[in-house]
Amino acid sequence: KLLTELLESVDLRREEVYITNVAKCRPPGNRPPRKHESEACRAYLDRQIAMIHPPVICPMGNSAIRAFLDSEDSVTALHGIPFEVEAITYFPMYHPAAALYTFGLRKVMEDDFRKLRALLDSSDLPH
C-alpha cells in the first residue's frame, strides 16, 4: 500500500512499473536473502530485465542494492543517488517496509520518489 502511495505521489501507477525480487523464493523466516540465494536467481532476473529494458532500475533495500551495485555500502549511504553501470541507470531506494518500522523514513522516501520522477523526466537517461 505504501509503495502504491509513493508511486502515485509522483504520477506513476503500479501498472507502469515492474516489481520483482532478487531472490525468487522467500527465504526461511522471511529473512533477507543471502548472497548465494540472490546469485542463484540472477540469470532469471537478468532475463527479466533484458525483456523489459527499463529506463531506470530502483533496487529497494540492502539486498537488492548489493545484488545490483556490487557494493557493501548501505541503503542509508546510497539512497536517492543515481548510478550508471553498463548503460543501465540504477536509483537505490529504501524498501517501503523500512518506513513502516522507522517513522522518519517516510519523508526521506517521499523525497527520493520526487528525485526519481525528476530523473525519469530528464533526458539524462542512457536509454
N, C-alpha and C. Protein backbone atom coordinates (compact mmCIF):
# COMPACT_ATOMS: atom_id res chain seq x y z
N LYS A 1 0.83 -1.20 0.00
CA LYS A 1 0.00 0.00 0.00
C LYS A 1 0.87 1.26 0.00
N LEU A 2 1.92 1.28 0.83
CA LEU A 2 2.80 2.45 0.88
C LEU A 2 3.49 2.66 -0.46
N LEU A 3 3.97 1.58 -1.08
CA LEU A 3 4.61 1.71 -2.39
C LEU A 3 3.65 2.32 -3.40
N THR A 4 2.43 1.88 -3.41
CA THR A 4 1.43 2.43 -4.32
C THR A 4 1.24 3.92 -4.06
N GLU A 5 1.15 4.31 -2.80
CA GLU A 5 1.00 5.73 -2.45
C GLU A 5 2.20 6.54 -2.92
N LEU A 6 3.40 6.02 -2.71
CA LEU A 6 4.61 6.74 -3.12
C LEU A 6 4.67 6.88 -4.65
N LEU A 7 4.34 5.83 -5.35
CA LEU A 7 4.31 5.90 -6.81
C LEU A 7 3.29 6.94 -7.28
N GLU A 8 2.09 6.87 -6.73
CA GLU A 8 1.04 7.81 -7.14
C GLU A 8 1.41 9.26 -6.81
N SER A 9 2.21 9.46 -5.77
CA SER A 9 2.61 10.82 -5.39
C SER A 9 3.47 11.48 -6.46
N VAL A 10 4.05 10.66 -7.35
CA VAL A 10 4.86 11.21 -8.45
C VAL A 10 4.26 10.81 -9.81
N ASP A 11 2.95 10.62 -9.81
CA ASP A 11 2.20 10.33 -11.04
C ASP A 11 2.64 9.06 -11.75
N LEU A 12 2.95 8.03 -10.98
CA LEU A 12 3.22 6.70 -11.54
C LEU A 12 2.17 5.75 -10.98
N ARG A 13 1.73 4.83 -11.81
CA ARG A 13 0.80 3.80 -11.36
C ARG A 13 1.54 2.47 -11.25
N ARG A 14 1.05 1.60 -10.38
CA ARG A 14 1.68 0.28 -10.22
C ARG A 14 1.75 -0.44 -11.57
N GLU A 15 0.76 -0.22 -12.42
CA GLU A 15 0.73 -0.88 -13.72
C GLU A 15 1.85 -0.39 -14.64
N GLU A 16 2.47 0.74 -14.31
CA GLU A 16 3.53 1.31 -15.14
C GLU A 16 4.93 0.87 -14.70
N VAL A 17 5.01 0.16 -13.60
CA VAL A 17 6.31 -0.28 -13.10
C VAL A 17 6.33 -1.80 -13.01
N TYR A 18 7.50 -2.36 -13.12
CA TYR A 18 7.66 -3.80 -12.98
C TYR A 18 8.33 -4.04 -11.64
N ILE A 19 7.73 -4.87 -10.82
CA ILE A 19 8.24 -5.15 -9.48
C ILE A 19 8.66 -6.61 -9.42
N THR A 20 9.88 -6.84 -8.98
CA THR A 20 10.38 -8.21 -8.85
C THR A 20 11.32 -8.27 -7.65
N ASN A 21 11.84 -9.43 -7.38
CA ASN A 21 12.76 -9.64 -6.27
C ASN A 21 14.06 -10.24 -6.78
N VAL A 22 15.16 -9.98 -6.07
CA VAL A 22 16.44 -10.56 -6.47
C VAL A 22 16.46 -12.05 -6.19
N ALA A 23 15.75 -12.50 -5.18
CA ALA A 23 15.61 -13.93 -4.90
C ALA A 23 14.17 -14.31 -5.25
N LYS A 24 14.00 -15.37 -5.98
CA LYS A 24 12.68 -15.74 -6.48
C LYS A 24 11.89 -16.61 -5.51
N CYS A 25 12.52 -17.04 -4.43
CA CYS A 25 11.84 -17.80 -3.38
C CYS A 25 12.04 -17.07 -2.06
N ARG A 26 11.03 -17.05 -1.24
CA ARG A 26 11.12 -16.37 0.05
C ARG A 26 12.02 -17.18 0.99
N PRO A 27 13.08 -16.56 1.50
CA PRO A 27 13.96 -17.26 2.44
C PRO A 27 13.23 -17.62 3.74
N PRO A 28 13.69 -18.64 4.41
CA PRO A 28 13.05 -19.07 5.66
C PRO A 28 12.94 -17.92 6.66
N GLY A 29 11.81 -17.86 7.35
CA GLY A 29 11.62 -16.84 8.37
C GLY A 29 11.52 -15.43 7.81
N ASN A 30 11.33 -15.31 6.50
CA ASN A 30 11.23 -14.01 5.83
C ASN A 30 12.49 -13.16 6.03
N ARG A 31 13.63 -13.82 6.23
CA ARG A 31 14.88 -13.08 6.40
C ARG A 31 15.33 -12.55 5.03
N PRO A 32 16.24 -11.58 5.03
CA PRO A 32 16.79 -11.11 3.75
C PRO A 32 17.53 -12.26 3.05
N PRO A 33 17.50 -12.27 1.72
CA PRO A 33 18.22 -13.34 1.01
C PRO A 33 19.72 -13.21 1.21
N ARG A 34 20.36 -14.34 1.31
CA ARG A 34 21.83 -14.37 1.40
C ARG A 34 22.40 -14.22 0.00
N LYS A 35 23.66 -13.85 -0.06
CA LYS A 35 24.30 -13.59 -1.35
C LYS A 35 24.15 -14.78 -2.30
N HIS A 36 24.40 -15.99 -1.83
CA HIS A 36 24.31 -17.15 -2.72
C HIS A 36 22.88 -17.39 -3.20
N GLU A 37 21.89 -16.99 -2.42
CA GLU A 37 20.49 -17.13 -2.84
C GLU A 37 20.16 -16.14 -3.95
N SER A 38 20.62 -14.92 -3.81
CA SER A 38 20.42 -13.93 -4.87
C SER A 38 21.17 -14.34 -6.14
N GLU A 39 22.39 -14.81 -5.97
CA GLU A 39 23.19 -15.23 -7.13
C GLU A 39 22.54 -16.40 -7.87
N ALA A 40 21.90 -17.31 -7.14
CA ALA A 40 21.25 -18.46 -7.77
C ALA A 40 20.11 -18.03 -8.69
N CYS A 41 19.51 -16.88 -8.41
CA CYS A 41 18.37 -16.38 -9.20
C CYS A 41 18.78 -15.33 -10.22
N ARG A 42 20.04 -14.97 -10.27
CA ARG A 42 20.49 -13.83 -11.08
C ARG A 42 20.21 -13.98 -12.57
N ALA A 43 20.42 -15.17 -13.12
CA ALA A 43 20.19 -15.35 -14.56
C ALA A 43 18.73 -15.07 -14.91
N TYR A 44 17.83 -15.53 -14.09
CA TYR A 44 16.41 -15.29 -14.32
C TYR A 44 16.11 -13.79 -14.23
N LEU A 45 16.65 -13.13 -13.23
CA LEU A 45 16.46 -11.69 -13.06
C LEU A 45 17.03 -10.93 -14.26
N ASP A 46 18.21 -11.32 -14.71
CA ASP A 46 18.82 -10.66 -15.87
C ASP A 46 17.96 -10.82 -17.12
N ARG A 47 17.34 -11.98 -17.29
CA ARG A 47 16.45 -12.18 -18.45
C ARG A 47 15.21 -11.29 -18.34
N GLN A 48 14.66 -11.15 -17.13
CA GLN A 48 13.52 -10.25 -16.94
C GLN A 48 13.90 -8.83 -17.35
N ILE A 49 15.03 -8.38 -16.90
CA ILE A 49 15.48 -7.01 -17.20
C ILE A 49 15.71 -6.84 -18.70
N ALA A 50 16.31 -7.82 -19.33
CA ALA A 50 16.57 -7.73 -20.77
C ALA A 50 15.27 -7.65 -21.56
N MET A 51 14.25 -8.37 -21.12
CA MET A 51 12.97 -8.34 -21.83
C MET A 51 12.24 -7.00 -21.63
N ILE A 52 12.33 -6.46 -20.45
CA ILE A 52 11.59 -5.24 -20.12
C ILE A 52 12.36 -3.99 -20.53
N HIS A 53 13.66 -4.05 -20.44
CA HIS A 53 14.54 -2.93 -20.79
C HIS A 53 14.08 -1.63 -20.11
N PRO A 54 14.06 -1.62 -18.79
CA PRO A 54 13.57 -0.43 -18.08
C PRO A 54 14.52 0.75 -18.19
N PRO A 55 13.99 1.97 -18.20
CA PRO A 55 14.87 3.14 -18.25
C PRO A 55 15.64 3.34 -16.94
N VAL A 56 15.06 2.89 -15.83
CA VAL A 56 15.70 3.00 -14.51
C VAL A 56 15.33 1.76 -13.71
N ILE A 57 16.31 1.25 -12.97
CA ILE A 57 16.06 0.17 -12.02
C ILE A 57 16.25 0.74 -10.63
N CYS A 58 15.26 0.54 -9.78
CA CYS A 58 15.31 1.05 -8.40
C CYS A 58 15.46 -0.10 -7.43
N PRO A 59 16.70 -0.48 -7.14
CA PRO A 59 16.86 -1.52 -6.12
C PRO A 59 16.42 -0.97 -4.77
N MET A 60 15.52 -1.68 -4.12
CA MET A 60 14.95 -1.20 -2.85
C MET A 60 15.44 -2.07 -1.71
N GLY A 61 16.25 -1.47 -0.85
CA GLY A 61 16.78 -2.19 0.30
C GLY A 61 18.17 -2.72 0.05
N ASN A 62 18.83 -3.10 1.14
CA ASN A 62 20.22 -3.52 1.07
C ASN A 62 20.45 -4.74 0.20
N SER A 63 19.59 -5.74 0.26
CA SER A 63 19.80 -6.96 -0.54
C SER A 63 19.80 -6.65 -2.03
N ALA A 64 18.84 -5.86 -2.47
CA ALA A 64 18.76 -5.52 -3.89
C ALA A 64 19.92 -4.62 -4.31
N ILE A 65 20.26 -3.67 -3.46
CA ILE A 65 21.37 -2.76 -3.78
C ILE A 65 22.66 -3.56 -3.94
N ARG A 66 22.91 -4.46 -3.02
CA ARG A 66 24.14 -5.26 -3.10
C ARG A 66 24.15 -6.16 -4.33
N ALA A 67 23.00 -6.67 -4.70
CA ALA A 67 22.93 -7.54 -5.88
C ALA A 67 23.21 -6.77 -7.17
N PHE A 68 22.71 -5.55 -7.25
CA PHE A 68 22.86 -4.78 -8.50
C PHE A 68 24.12 -3.95 -8.56
N LEU A 69 24.52 -3.37 -7.45
CA LEU A 69 25.63 -2.42 -7.49
C LEU A 69 26.94 -2.99 -6.98
N ASP A 70 26.95 -4.25 -6.57
CA ASP A 70 28.16 -4.88 -6.08
C ASP A 70 28.85 -3.97 -5.07
N SER A 71 28.08 -3.49 -4.12
CA SER A 71 28.57 -2.55 -3.12
C SER A 71 28.22 -3.07 -1.74
N GLU A 72 29.09 -2.84 -0.81
CA GLU A 72 28.80 -3.16 0.58
C GLU A 72 28.24 -1.95 1.32
N ASP A 73 28.15 -0.81 0.62
CA ASP A 73 27.55 0.38 1.23
C ASP A 73 26.07 0.11 1.49
N SER A 74 25.55 0.73 2.53
CA SER A 74 24.16 0.51 2.90
C SER A 74 23.23 1.42 2.12
N VAL A 75 21.96 1.11 2.20
CA VAL A 75 20.93 1.94 1.58
C VAL A 75 21.00 3.35 2.15
N THR A 76 21.37 3.49 3.41
CA THR A 76 21.48 4.81 4.03
C THR A 76 22.50 5.68 3.28
N ALA A 77 23.58 5.08 2.82
CA ALA A 77 24.62 5.83 2.10
C ALA A 77 24.27 6.06 0.63
N LEU A 78 23.50 5.17 0.03
CA LEU A 78 23.32 5.20 -1.42
C LEU A 78 21.95 5.68 -1.90
N HIS A 79 20.96 5.72 -1.03
CA HIS A 79 19.60 6.04 -1.49
C HIS A 79 19.54 7.41 -2.15
N GLY A 80 18.73 7.49 -3.18
CA GLY A 80 18.48 8.77 -3.85
C GLY A 80 19.59 9.26 -4.76
N ILE A 81 20.59 8.41 -5.00
CA ILE A 81 21.72 8.79 -5.86
C ILE A 81 21.71 7.89 -7.10
N PRO A 82 21.57 8.45 -8.29
CA PRO A 82 21.59 7.60 -9.49
C PRO A 82 23.01 7.12 -9.80
N PHE A 83 23.12 5.87 -10.24
CA PHE A 83 24.37 5.26 -10.66
C PHE A 83 24.17 4.67 -12.03
N GLU A 84 25.16 4.78 -12.88
CA GLU A 84 25.09 4.13 -14.18
C GLU A 84 26.11 3.00 -14.20
N VAL A 85 25.64 1.81 -14.49
CA VAL A 85 26.50 0.64 -14.58
C VAL A 85 26.13 -0.08 -15.88
N GLU A 86 27.11 -0.21 -16.77
CA GLU A 86 26.91 -0.88 -18.05
C GLU A 86 25.66 -0.37 -18.78
N ALA A 87 25.55 0.94 -18.88
CA ALA A 87 24.48 1.64 -19.61
C ALA A 87 23.09 1.45 -18.99
N ILE A 88 23.04 1.04 -17.74
CA ILE A 88 21.77 0.96 -17.01
C ILE A 88 21.83 1.93 -15.85
N THR A 89 20.77 2.70 -15.68
CA THR A 89 20.69 3.65 -14.57
C THR A 89 20.00 2.97 -13.39
N TYR A 90 20.69 2.99 -12.26
CA TYR A 90 20.16 2.45 -11.01
C TYR A 90 19.90 3.62 -10.07
N PHE A 91 18.78 3.54 -9.37
CA PHE A 91 18.41 4.57 -8.41
C PHE A 91 18.04 3.87 -7.10
N PRO A 92 19.02 3.65 -6.23
CA PRO A 92 18.75 2.92 -4.98
C PRO A 92 17.77 3.67 -4.08
N MET A 93 16.92 2.88 -3.41
CA MET A 93 15.92 3.45 -2.51
C MET A 93 15.76 2.54 -1.30
N TYR A 94 15.19 3.10 -0.25
CA TYR A 94 14.80 2.28 0.89
C TYR A 94 13.67 1.36 0.46
N HIS A 95 13.62 0.19 1.04
CA HIS A 95 12.49 -0.69 0.83
C HIS A 95 11.29 -0.08 1.55
N PRO A 96 10.11 -0.07 0.94
CA PRO A 96 8.95 0.53 1.61
C PRO A 96 8.68 -0.02 3.01
N ALA A 97 9.00 -1.28 3.25
CA ALA A 97 8.77 -1.85 4.58
C ALA A 97 9.58 -1.12 5.65
N ALA A 98 10.72 -0.54 5.27
CA ALA A 98 11.55 0.17 6.25
C ALA A 98 10.79 1.34 6.86
N ALA A 99 9.97 2.01 6.07
CA ALA A 99 9.22 3.17 6.57
C ALA A 99 8.12 2.75 7.54
N LEU A 100 7.73 1.49 7.46
CA LEU A 100 6.71 1.01 8.39
C LEU A 100 7.29 0.81 9.79
N TYR A 101 8.62 0.62 9.86
CA TYR A 101 9.28 0.38 11.14
C TYR A 101 10.03 1.60 11.65
N THR A 102 10.39 2.51 10.75
CA THR A 102 11.14 3.71 11.13
C THR A 102 10.36 4.91 10.61
N PHE A 103 9.65 5.56 11.49
CA PHE A 103 8.72 6.62 11.12
C PHE A 103 9.36 7.70 10.25
N GLY A 104 10.55 8.17 10.58
CA GLY A 104 11.19 9.26 9.86
C GLY A 104 11.56 8.95 8.43
N LEU A 105 11.56 7.68 8.05
CA LEU A 105 11.94 7.32 6.68
C LEU A 105 10.89 7.68 5.65
N ARG A 106 9.67 7.85 6.06
CA ARG A 106 8.60 8.16 5.09
C ARG A 106 8.94 9.44 4.31
N LYS A 107 9.35 10.49 5.01
CA LYS A 107 9.70 11.75 4.33
C LYS A 107 10.90 11.55 3.42
N VAL A 108 11.90 10.80 3.87
CA VAL A 108 13.08 10.51 3.05
C VAL A 108 12.65 9.80 1.77
N MET A 109 11.76 8.83 1.91
CA MET A 109 11.29 8.09 0.74
C MET A 109 10.48 8.98 -0.19
N GLU A 110 9.67 9.85 0.36
CA GLU A 110 8.92 10.79 -0.48
C GLU A 110 9.88 11.68 -1.27
N ASP A 111 10.93 12.15 -0.62
CA ASP A 111 11.94 12.96 -1.32
C ASP A 111 12.63 12.15 -2.41
N ASP A 112 12.96 10.89 -2.12
CA ASP A 112 13.61 10.06 -3.12
C ASP A 112 12.69 9.81 -4.32
N PHE A 113 11.41 9.63 -4.08
CA PHE A 113 10.48 9.43 -5.19
C PHE A 113 10.36 10.69 -6.04
N ARG A 114 10.45 11.86 -5.43
CA ARG A 114 10.46 13.10 -6.23
C ARG A 114 11.73 13.17 -7.08
N LYS A 115 12.86 12.76 -6.52
CA LYS A 115 14.11 12.72 -7.29
C LYS A 115 13.99 11.72 -8.44
N LEU A 116 13.36 10.58 -8.17
CA LEU A 116 13.15 9.58 -9.22
C LEU A 116 12.31 10.17 -10.34
N ARG A 117 11.24 10.87 -10.01
CA ARG A 117 10.38 11.48 -11.02
C ARG A 117 11.19 12.45 -11.88
N ALA A 118 12.03 13.26 -11.23
CA ALA A 118 12.87 14.21 -11.98
C ALA A 118 13.84 13.46 -12.90
N LEU A 119 14.39 12.37 -12.42
CA LEU A 119 15.30 11.57 -13.24
C LEU A 119 14.55 10.99 -14.45
N LEU A 120 13.38 10.45 -14.22
CA LEU A 120 12.59 9.90 -15.32
C LEU A 120 12.21 10.96 -16.34
N ASP A 121 11.98 12.18 -15.87
CA ASP A 121 11.58 13.27 -16.76
C ASP A 121 12.78 13.90 -17.49
N SER A 122 13.96 13.61 -17.02
CA SER A 122 15.16 14.22 -17.62
C SER A 122 15.55 13.50 -18.90
N SER A 123 16.40 14.13 -19.65
CA SER A 123 16.92 13.49 -20.86
C SER A 123 18.30 12.90 -20.60
N ASP A 124 18.67 12.74 -19.32
CA ASP A 124 19.99 12.24 -18.96
C ASP A 124 20.08 10.72 -18.93
N LEU A 125 18.98 10.04 -19.23
CA LEU A 125 18.99 8.58 -19.18
C LEU A 125 19.64 8.02 -20.43
N PRO A 126 20.40 6.94 -20.29
CA PRO A 126 21.08 6.37 -21.46
C PRO A 126 20.16 5.65 -22.42
N HIS A 127 18.91 5.37 -22.05
CA HIS A 127 18.00 4.61 -22.93
C HIS A 127 17.19 5.54 -23.79
